[in-house]
Amino acid sequence: MTPIRLWTPLALSVCAIMTASCAALPQPSPVAPPRLILSDAVTRPCDLAVLPEAATTADLEAAYVRRGGQILTCDAARRLAVETLQAERALIDAWVHSRP
């Protein structure tokens, strides 16, 4: 009869412990976390007015006013994207903490 090597029971014990620890882990939820849908205004690039080739003072003033409105619109879209992201993260955090 051959003697049992020392590493054989040790290896079997390690395999048994690893299998038992994996079996004790909770199974992933089949329910997906909440997702919010971004508005089209958030995903579109911002338009900014440019001056024509031979710009006059009137063109400069009109572009200045138009660009100011475009910057406000772009900032509002950025703010909406940030608020949506923060709300989605809060929903996901609540969803994670509510799971058993």
N, C-alpha and C. Protein backbone atom coordinates (compact mmCIF):
# COMPACT_ATOMS: atom_id res chain seq x y z
N MET A 1 0.84 -1.18 0.00
CA MET A 1 0.00 0.00 0.00
C MET A 1 0.89 1.24 0.00
N THR A 2 0.54 2.21 -0.84
CA THR A 2 1.35 3.42 -0.93
C THR A 2 0.87 4.45 0.07
N PRO A 3 1.78 5.18 0.64
CA PRO A 3 1.36 6.19 1.62
C PRO A 3 0.66 7.37 0.93
N ILE A 4 -0.25 7.97 1.64
CA ILE A 4 -0.96 9.16 1.12
C ILE A 4 -0.02 10.35 1.24
N ARG A 5 0.11 11.02 0.12
CA ARG A 5 0.97 12.20 0.15
C ARG A 5 0.27 13.31 0.92
N LEU A 6 1.07 14.19 1.49
CA LEU A 6 0.55 15.25 2.36
C LEU A 6 -0.32 16.25 1.58
N TRP A 7 0.01 16.54 0.36
CA TRP A 7 -0.71 17.57 -0.38
C TRP A 7 -2.08 17.10 -0.86
N THR A 8 -2.32 15.79 -0.95
CA THR A 8 -3.59 15.29 -1.46
C THR A 8 -4.77 15.68 -0.56
N PRO A 9 -4.72 15.43 0.75
CA PRO A 9 -5.85 15.88 1.59
C PRO A 9 -5.97 17.40 1.63
N LEU A 10 -4.83 18.06 1.58
CA LEU A 10 -4.84 19.52 1.60
C LEU A 10 -5.52 20.06 0.34
N ALA A 11 -5.20 19.52 -0.82
CA ALA A 11 -5.82 19.96 -2.07
C ALA A 11 -7.31 19.67 -2.07
N LEU A 12 -7.71 18.50 -1.57
CA LEU A 12 -9.14 18.18 -1.49
C LEU A 12 -9.88 19.13 -0.55
N SER A 13 -9.24 19.48 0.55
CA SER A 13 -9.86 20.42 1.50
C SER A 13 -10.04 21.80 0.87
N VAL A 14 -9.03 22.25 0.16
CA VAL A 14 -9.11 23.56 -0.50
C VAL A 14 -10.23 23.56 -1.54
N CYS A 15 -10.32 22.52 -2.33
CA CYS A 15 -11.39 22.43 -3.33
C CYS A 15 -12.77 22.44 -2.68
N ALA A 16 -12.91 21.71 -1.58
CA ALA A 16 -14.20 21.65 -0.89
C ALA A 16 -14.57 23.01 -0.32
N ILE A 17 -13.59 23.71 0.26
CA ILE A 17 -13.85 25.03 0.84
C ILE A 17 -14.23 26.02 -0.26
N MET A 18 -13.53 26.00 -1.39
CA MET A 18 -13.83 26.92 -2.50
C MET A 18 -15.23 26.65 -3.07
N THR A 19 -15.58 25.38 -3.20
CA THR A 19 -16.90 25.04 -3.73
C THR A 19 -18.00 25.49 -2.76
N ALA A 20 -17.79 25.28 -1.48
CA ALA A 20 -18.79 25.67 -0.49
C ALA A 20 -18.94 27.18 -0.42
N SER A 21 -17.84 27.91 -0.55
CA SER A 21 -17.93 29.37 -0.47
C SER A 21 -18.61 29.95 -1.70
N CYS A 22 -18.41 29.35 -2.86
CA CYS A 22 -19.09 29.82 -4.06
C CYS A 22 -20.58 29.51 -4.01
N ALA A 23 -20.93 28.40 -3.44
CA ALA A 23 -22.34 28.02 -3.36
C ALA A 23 -23.10 28.93 -2.40
N ALA A 24 -22.41 29.54 -1.44
CA ALA A 24 -23.08 30.40 -0.46
C ALA A 24 -23.33 31.80 -0.99
N LEU A 25 -22.71 32.17 -2.10
CA LEU A 25 -22.90 33.52 -2.63
C LEU A 25 -24.31 33.67 -3.18
N PRO A 26 -24.91 34.86 -3.00
CA PRO A 26 -26.26 35.06 -3.54
C PRO A 26 -26.21 35.09 -5.07
N GLN A 27 -27.25 34.58 -5.67
CA GLN A 27 -27.33 34.57 -7.12
C GLN A 27 -27.64 35.98 -7.63
N PRO A 28 -27.12 36.35 -8.79
CA PRO A 28 -27.44 37.67 -9.34
C PRO A 28 -28.93 37.79 -9.66
N SER A 29 -29.43 38.97 -9.48
CA SER A 29 -30.85 39.21 -9.69
C SER A 29 -31.18 39.19 -11.18
N PRO A 30 -32.27 38.55 -11.57
CA PRO A 30 -32.67 38.59 -12.98
C PRO A 30 -33.28 39.95 -13.36
N VAL A 31 -33.56 40.77 -12.36
CA VAL A 31 -34.15 42.09 -12.60
C VAL A 31 -33.03 43.09 -12.83
N ALA A 32 -33.12 43.83 -13.90
CA ALA A 32 -32.09 44.83 -14.23
C ALA A 32 -32.27 46.07 -13.35
N PRO A 33 -31.17 46.78 -13.07
CA PRO A 33 -31.29 48.01 -12.29
C PRO A 33 -32.04 49.07 -13.08
N PRO A 34 -32.61 50.06 -12.40
CA PRO A 34 -33.37 51.08 -13.11
C PRO A 34 -32.47 51.93 -14.02
N ARG A 35 -32.99 52.31 -15.16
CA ARG A 35 -32.29 53.17 -16.10
C ARG A 35 -33.23 54.30 -16.51
N LEU A 36 -32.68 55.50 -16.59
CA LEU A 36 -33.46 56.65 -17.06
C LEU A 36 -33.05 56.97 -18.49
N ILE A 37 -33.99 57.49 -19.26
CA ILE A 37 -33.74 57.80 -20.67
C ILE A 37 -33.41 59.29 -20.78
N LEU A 38 -32.30 59.57 -21.46
CA LEU A 38 -31.88 60.95 -21.66
C LEU A 38 -32.68 61.59 -22.79
N SER A 39 -32.92 62.86 -22.66
CA SER A 39 -33.61 63.62 -23.70
C SER A 39 -32.70 63.76 -24.92
N ASP A 40 -33.31 63.97 -26.09
CA ASP A 40 -32.51 64.19 -27.30
C ASP A 40 -31.67 65.45 -27.21
N ALA A 41 -32.16 66.45 -26.50
CA ALA A 41 -31.41 67.70 -26.35
C ALA A 41 -30.10 67.48 -25.62
N VAL A 42 -30.04 66.48 -24.77
CA VAL A 42 -28.83 66.19 -24.00
C VAL A 42 -27.78 65.53 -24.87
N THR A 43 -28.20 64.70 -25.80
CA THR A 43 -27.25 63.93 -26.60
C THR A 43 -26.80 64.65 -27.86
N ARG A 44 -27.50 65.71 -28.25
CA ARG A 44 -27.11 66.48 -29.43
C ARG A 44 -25.95 67.42 -29.10
N PRO A 45 -25.01 67.61 -30.03
CA PRO A 45 -23.96 68.61 -29.78
C PRO A 45 -24.55 70.02 -29.80
N CYS A 46 -23.91 70.92 -29.07
CA CYS A 46 -24.39 72.30 -28.99
C CYS A 46 -24.04 73.05 -30.27
N ASP A 47 -25.02 73.82 -30.76
CA ASP A 47 -24.78 74.70 -31.91
C ASP A 47 -24.28 76.04 -31.40
N LEU A 48 -23.30 76.58 -32.07
CA LEU A 48 -22.84 77.92 -31.74
C LEU A 48 -22.75 78.74 -33.02
N ALA A 49 -23.26 79.94 -32.96
CA ALA A 49 -23.28 80.82 -34.12
C ALA A 49 -21.86 81.21 -34.51
N VAL A 50 -21.62 81.28 -35.82
CA VAL A 50 -20.33 81.73 -36.34
C VAL A 50 -20.58 82.93 -37.25
N LEU A 51 -19.58 83.74 -37.37
CA LEU A 51 -19.69 84.94 -38.21
C LEU A 51 -19.48 84.59 -39.67
N PRO A 52 -20.20 85.27 -40.57
CA PRO A 52 -19.95 85.06 -41.99
C PRO A 52 -18.58 85.59 -42.39
N GLU A 53 -18.16 85.26 -43.61
CA GLU A 53 -16.83 85.65 -44.09
C GLU A 53 -16.61 87.17 -44.03
N ALA A 54 -17.51 87.93 -44.58
CA ALA A 54 -17.39 89.39 -44.57
C ALA A 54 -18.40 89.94 -43.57
N ALA A 55 -18.10 89.82 -42.29
CA ALA A 55 -19.04 90.19 -41.24
C ALA A 55 -19.10 91.70 -41.05
N THR A 56 -20.30 92.17 -40.79
CA THR A 56 -20.49 93.58 -40.47
C THR A 56 -20.75 93.70 -38.97
N THR A 57 -20.88 94.92 -38.50
CA THR A 57 -21.17 95.14 -37.08
C THR A 57 -22.53 94.54 -36.72
N ALA A 58 -23.49 94.62 -37.62
CA ALA A 58 -24.81 94.04 -37.38
C ALA A 58 -24.70 92.51 -37.26
N ASP A 59 -23.87 91.91 -38.12
CA ASP A 59 -23.67 90.46 -38.03
C ASP A 59 -23.04 90.08 -36.70
N LEU A 60 -22.08 90.88 -36.25
CA LEU A 60 -21.41 90.62 -34.98
C LEU A 60 -22.41 90.71 -33.83
N GLU A 61 -23.25 91.74 -33.81
CA GLU A 61 -24.22 91.89 -32.74
C GLU A 61 -25.26 90.77 -32.76
N ALA A 62 -25.72 90.40 -33.96
CA ALA A 62 -26.71 89.32 -34.07
C ALA A 62 -26.10 88.00 -33.61
N ALA A 63 -24.88 87.73 -34.01
CA ALA A 63 -24.22 86.48 -33.60
C ALA A 63 -23.97 86.47 -32.09
N TYR A 64 -23.65 87.63 -31.54
CA TYR A 64 -23.41 87.73 -30.10
C TYR A 64 -24.67 87.35 -29.31
N VAL A 65 -25.80 87.92 -29.74
CA VAL A 65 -27.07 87.63 -29.06
C VAL A 65 -27.47 86.17 -29.27
N ARG A 66 -27.35 85.69 -30.52
CA ARG A 66 -27.73 84.30 -30.83
C ARG A 66 -26.84 83.32 -30.07
N ARG A 67 -25.55 83.62 -29.99
CA ARG A 67 -24.63 82.72 -29.28
C ARG A 67 -24.94 82.69 -27.79
N GLY A 68 -25.34 83.82 -27.22
CA GLY A 68 -25.73 83.84 -25.81
C GLY A 68 -26.90 82.91 -25.54
N GLY A 69 -27.92 82.95 -26.41
CA GLY A 69 -29.06 82.05 -26.27
C GLY A 69 -28.66 80.59 -26.45
N GLN A 70 -27.75 80.35 -27.39
CA GLN A 70 -27.30 78.98 -27.63
C GLN A 70 -26.51 78.44 -26.43
N ILE A 71 -25.72 79.30 -25.80
CA ILE A 71 -24.97 78.87 -24.61
C ILE A 71 -25.92 78.54 -23.47
N LEU A 72 -26.97 79.35 -23.29
CA LEU A 72 -27.97 79.05 -22.26
C LEU A 72 -28.67 77.72 -22.53
N THR A 73 -29.03 77.47 -23.79
CA THR A 73 -29.67 76.21 -24.16
C THR A 73 -28.74 75.02 -23.91
N CYS A 74 -27.48 75.19 -24.27
CA CYS A 74 -26.50 74.12 -24.08
C CYS A 74 -26.28 73.85 -22.59
N ASP A 75 -26.22 74.91 -21.79
CA ASP A 75 -26.02 74.73 -20.35
C ASP A 75 -27.24 74.06 -19.72
N ALA A 76 -28.43 74.39 -20.19
CA ALA A 76 -29.64 73.74 -19.67
C ALA A 76 -29.63 72.24 -20.01
N ALA A 77 -29.18 71.90 -21.22
CA ALA A 77 -29.10 70.48 -21.60
C ALA A 77 -28.06 69.76 -20.76
N ARG A 78 -26.95 70.43 -20.49
CA ARG A 78 -25.91 69.83 -19.65
C ARG A 78 -26.44 69.61 -18.23
N ARG A 79 -27.15 70.59 -17.71
CA ARG A 79 -27.72 70.48 -16.37
C ARG A 79 -28.74 69.34 -16.30
N LEU A 80 -29.54 69.18 -17.37
CA LEU A 80 -30.52 68.10 -17.43
C LEU A 80 -29.81 66.75 -17.43
N ALA A 81 -28.70 66.65 -18.16
CA ALA A 81 -27.94 65.39 -18.20
C ALA A 81 -27.37 65.06 -16.83
N VAL A 82 -26.85 66.06 -16.14
CA VAL A 82 -26.28 65.83 -14.81
C VAL A 82 -27.37 65.42 -13.83
N GLU A 83 -28.51 66.10 -13.86
CA GLU A 83 -29.61 65.75 -12.96
C GLU A 83 -30.14 64.35 -13.24
N THR A 84 -30.21 63.99 -14.52
CA THR A 84 -30.67 62.64 -14.89
C THR A 84 -29.70 61.59 -14.38
N LEU A 85 -28.40 61.84 -14.55
CA LEU A 85 -27.39 60.90 -14.07
C LEU A 85 -27.45 60.75 -12.56
N GLN A 86 -27.58 61.86 -11.84
CA GLN A 86 -27.66 61.79 -10.38
C GLN A 86 -28.91 61.05 -9.93
N ALA A 87 -30.04 61.29 -10.60
CA ALA A 87 -31.29 60.60 -10.25
C ALA A 87 -31.17 59.10 -10.54
N GLU A 88 -30.54 58.75 -11.67
CA GLU A 88 -30.36 57.34 -11.99
C GLU A 88 -29.47 56.65 -10.97
N ARG A 89 -28.40 57.31 -10.57
CA ARG A 89 -27.50 56.72 -9.56
C ARG A 89 -28.22 56.55 -8.23
N ALA A 90 -29.05 57.51 -7.86
CA ALA A 90 -29.81 57.38 -6.61
C ALA A 90 -30.79 56.21 -6.69
N LEU A 91 -31.44 56.04 -7.84
CA LEU A 91 -32.35 54.90 -8.02
C LEU A 91 -31.60 53.58 -7.96
N ILE A 92 -30.43 53.51 -8.57
CA ILE A 92 -29.65 52.28 -8.55
C ILE A 92 -29.17 51.98 -7.14
N ASP A 93 -28.74 53.00 -6.40
CA ASP A 93 -28.32 52.79 -5.01
C ASP A 93 -29.48 52.27 -4.17
N ALA A 94 -30.67 52.85 -4.35
CA ALA A 94 -31.85 52.40 -3.61
C ALA A 94 -32.20 50.97 -4.01
N TRP A 95 -32.08 50.66 -5.30
CA TRP A 95 -32.37 49.32 -5.79
C TRP A 95 -31.40 48.29 -5.20
N VAL A 96 -30.13 48.64 -5.13
CA VAL A 96 -29.12 47.72 -4.59
C VAL A 96 -29.37 47.46 -3.11
N HIS A 97 -29.70 48.52 -2.36
CA HIS A 97 -29.92 48.37 -0.92
C HIS A 97 -31.24 47.71 -0.59
N SER A 98 -32.19 47.70 -1.52
CA SER A 98 -33.48 47.07 -1.25
C SER A 98 -33.48 45.57 -1.58
N ARG A 99 -32.43 45.11 -2.27
CA ARG A 99 -32.36 43.68 -2.60
C ARG A 99 -32.01 42.87 -1.36
N PRO A 100 -32.57 41.66 -1.28
CA PRO A 100 -32.29 40.82 -0.09
C PRO A 100 -30.88 40.30 -0.09
